[in-house]
């Protein structure tokens, strides 16, 4: 990772006298996908520390999006779990969860991009941004006890009856 960090901070394409701001994005609440995004949180922290040795004006920015409209739900429409999957009984809930981020409260990709760019181009951009639909709820949820969040998610996503 250090090589990646150094490469991003020392990019020959970075204009002289200007600090670039690498931007990472993470999406909470999606299991394995979220685990990969959690790695971005750690990478962002490490990159921020490493780049600060090179140029204190470089800010590494983490973007944690809320609901942003995309093709994810339509691309997942034909998705099905294998017949022997332990999670097959949850297929309907999985599709419901995928589609949830595409609802009326979702931010359009264009609006989201404009919000990110306007923040990144500020003289002193934030190192952490939560933007998009439900962003405030996600920001609050990260500070709540995990048992409470899990309880709330079960209430929202209607667990199937188990025999």
Protein backbone atom coordinates (compact mmCIF):
# COMPACT_ATOMS: atom_id res chain seq x y z
CA UNK A 1 0.00 0.00 0.00
CA UNK A 2 2.85 2.39 0.67
CA UNK A 3 3.81 2.24 -3.00
CA UNK A 4 0.26 3.17 -3.99
CA UNK A 5 0.21 6.00 -1.44
CA UNK A 6 3.56 7.34 -2.57
CA UNK A 7 2.54 7.09 -6.22
CA UNK A 8 -0.65 9.06 -5.65
CA UNK A 9 1.12 11.77 -3.65
CA UNK A 10 4.04 12.08 -6.05
CA UNK A 11 2.04 11.98 -9.27
CA UNK A 12 3.90 13.78 -12.07
CA UNK A 13 0.51 15.02 -13.29
CA UNK A 14 -0.01 17.08 -10.14
CA UNK A 15 0.45 20.75 -10.99
CA UNK A 16 3.30 22.49 -9.15
CA UNK A 17 2.17 24.64 -6.26
CA UNK A 18 -1.14 22.83 -5.99
CA UNK A 19 -2.10 19.98 -3.69
CA UNK A 20 -4.29 17.26 -5.18
CA UNK A 21 -6.91 15.66 -3.02
CA UNK A 22 -7.36 11.90 -3.60
CA UNK A 23 -11.01 11.00 -3.05
CA UNK A 24 -12.20 7.60 -1.81
CA UNK A 25 -15.83 6.57 -1.57
CA UNK A 26 -17.52 4.03 0.71
CA UNK A 27 -21.09 2.75 0.90
CA UNK A 28 -22.36 1.39 4.21
CA UNK A 29 -24.82 -1.46 4.84
CA UNK A 30 -24.01 -3.93 2.08
CA UNK A 31 -22.09 -6.81 3.70
CA UNK A 32 -19.13 -8.01 1.67
CA UNK A 33 -19.28 -4.97 -0.58
CA UNK A 34 -19.14 -2.75 2.51
CA UNK A 35 -16.16 -4.68 3.83
CA UNK A 36 -14.19 -3.69 0.76
CA UNK A 37 -15.30 -0.11 1.27
CA UNK A 38 -14.24 -0.27 4.93
CA UNK A 39 -10.76 -0.94 3.59
CA UNK A 40 -11.01 2.47 1.92
CA UNK A 41 -11.53 4.06 5.33
CA UNK A 42 -8.24 2.56 6.51
CA UNK A 43 -6.45 3.30 3.24
CA UNK A 44 -7.66 6.89 3.43
CA UNK A 45 -6.34 7.25 6.99
CA UNK A 46 -2.97 5.74 6.06
CA UNK A 47 -2.72 7.75 2.85
CA UNK A 48 -3.55 10.94 4.74
CA UNK A 49 -0.74 10.30 7.22
CA UNK A 50 1.76 9.29 4.55
CA UNK A 51 1.00 12.23 2.25
CA UNK A 52 1.23 14.69 5.14
CA UNK A 53 4.96 13.93 5.32
CA UNK A 54 5.33 15.00 1.71
CA UNK A 55 3.07 18.04 1.67
CA UNK A 56 0.95 19.17 4.62
CA UNK A 57 -1.50 20.77 2.18
CA UNK A 58 -2.54 17.45 0.61
CA UNK A 59 -5.87 16.30 2.00
CA UNK A 60 -7.01 12.76 1.32
CA UNK A 61 -10.80 12.83 1.21
CA UNK A 62 -13.19 10.03 2.11
CA UNK A 63 -16.66 10.26 0.57
CA UNK A 64 -19.33 8.11 2.21
CA UNK A 65 -22.37 8.26 -0.06
CA UNK A 66 -25.93 7.76 1.01
CA UNK A 67 -28.47 6.67 -1.58
CA UNK A 68 -27.36 7.65 -5.10
CA UNK A 69 -29.39 6.67 -8.18
CA UNK A 70 -27.54 4.26 -10.45
CA UNK A 71 -28.12 1.14 -12.52
CA UNK A 72 -27.37 -1.19 -9.60
CA UNK A 73 -30.98 -2.34 -9.14
CA UNK A 74 -31.65 -2.88 -12.84
CA UNK A 75 -28.32 -4.71 -13.23
CA UNK A 76 -29.23 -6.99 -10.32
CA UNK A 77 -32.75 -7.76 -11.61
CA UNK A 78 -31.74 -11.17 -12.98
CA UNK A 79 -29.56 -12.05 -10.00
CA UNK A 80 -30.46 -15.28 -8.25
CA UNK A 81 -28.74 -17.30 -5.56
CA UNK A 82 -27.76 -20.90 -6.19
CA UNK A 83 -30.37 -23.48 -5.12
CA UNK A 84 -28.16 -24.74 -2.26
CA UNK A 85 -27.32 -21.28 -0.87
CA UNK A 86 -28.00 -20.81 2.83
CA UNK A 87 -29.29 -17.34 1.94
CA UNK A 88 -31.71 -18.40 -0.80
CA UNK A 89 -34.68 -17.76 1.49
CA UNK A 90 -33.57 -14.12 1.68
CA UNK A 91 -33.47 -13.51 -2.11
CA UNK A 92 -36.53 -11.25 -2.04
CA UNK A 93 -35.09 -9.18 0.82
CA UNK A 94 -31.72 -8.91 -0.95
CA UNK A 95 -33.46 -7.50 -4.05
CA UNK A 96 -35.52 -5.16 -1.86
CA UNK A 97 -32.30 -3.89 -0.22
CA UNK A 98 -30.58 -3.36 -3.57
CA UNK A 99 -33.56 -1.37 -4.86
CA UNK A 100 -33.90 0.70 -1.66
CA UNK A 101 -31.01 2.97 -2.56
CA UNK A 102 -32.78 3.86 -5.81
CA UNK A 103 -35.97 5.29 -4.28
CA UNK A 104 -37.43 8.76 -4.15
CA UNK A 105 -34.91 9.97 -1.54
CA UNK A 106 -31.91 8.97 -3.66
CA UNK A 107 -29.71 11.72 -5.03
CA UNK A 108 -29.09 11.68 -8.76
CA UNK A 109 -25.55 10.75 -9.79
CA UNK A 110 -25.16 14.18 -11.42
CA UNK A 111 -26.22 16.05 -8.28
CA UNK A 112 -24.02 13.83 -6.10
CA UNK A 113 -21.02 14.43 -8.38
CA UNK A 114 -21.61 18.18 -8.29
CA UNK A 115 -21.76 18.13 -4.48
CA UNK A 116 -18.52 16.16 -4.24
CA UNK A 117 -16.68 18.36 -6.73
CA UNK A 118 -17.87 21.58 -5.07
CA UNK A 119 -16.54 20.35 -1.72
CA UNK A 120 -13.24 19.01 -3.08
CA UNK A 121 -12.49 22.26 -4.90
CA UNK A 122 -12.88 24.38 -1.75
CA UNK A 123 -9.77 26.08 -0.42
CA UNK A 124 -9.92 23.86 2.67
CA UNK A 125 -11.93 20.76 1.65
CA UNK A 126 -13.29 18.41 4.31
CA UNK A 127 -11.41 15.15 4.81
CA UNK A 128 -14.70 13.27 5.31
CA UNK A 129 -17.97 13.81 3.46
CA UNK A 130 -21.34 12.11 3.82
CA UNK A 131 -23.59 13.10 0.92
CA UNK A 132 -26.64 11.74 -0.90
CA UNK A 133 -30.00 10.40 0.20
CA UNK A 134 -30.24 9.30 3.84
CA UNK A 135 -26.70 10.62 4.44
CA UNK A 136 -27.68 12.10 7.81
CA UNK A 137 -29.20 8.80 8.94
CA UNK A 138 -26.04 6.92 7.92
CA UNK A 139 -23.86 9.46 9.71
CA UNK A 140 -25.87 9.06 12.91
CA UNK A 141 -26.05 5.27 12.63
CA UNK A 142 -22.28 4.91 12.60
CA UNK A 143 -22.18 6.19 16.20
CA UNK A 144 -25.02 4.04 17.53
CA UNK A 145 -24.40 0.73 19.32
CA UNK A 146 -24.24 -2.12 16.78
CA UNK A 147 -27.00 -4.14 18.51
CA UNK A 148 -29.36 -1.18 18.07
CA UNK A 149 -28.47 -0.76 14.38
CA UNK A 150 -28.93 -4.51 13.74
CA UNK A 151 -32.30 -4.40 15.52
CA UNK A 152 -33.38 -1.45 13.36
CA UNK A 153 -32.24 -3.15 10.16
CA UNK A 154 -34.26 -6.27 11.01
CA UNK A 155 -37.33 -4.10 11.57
CA UNK A 156 -36.81 -2.30 8.25
CA UNK A 157 -36.05 -5.34 6.12
CA UNK A 158 -38.73 -7.72 7.45
CA UNK A 159 -36.90 -10.96 8.09
CA UNK A 160 -38.63 -13.90 6.44
CA UNK A 161 -40.48 -16.36 8.65
CA UNK A 162 -38.27 -19.22 9.65
CA UNK A 163 -39.61 -22.64 10.52
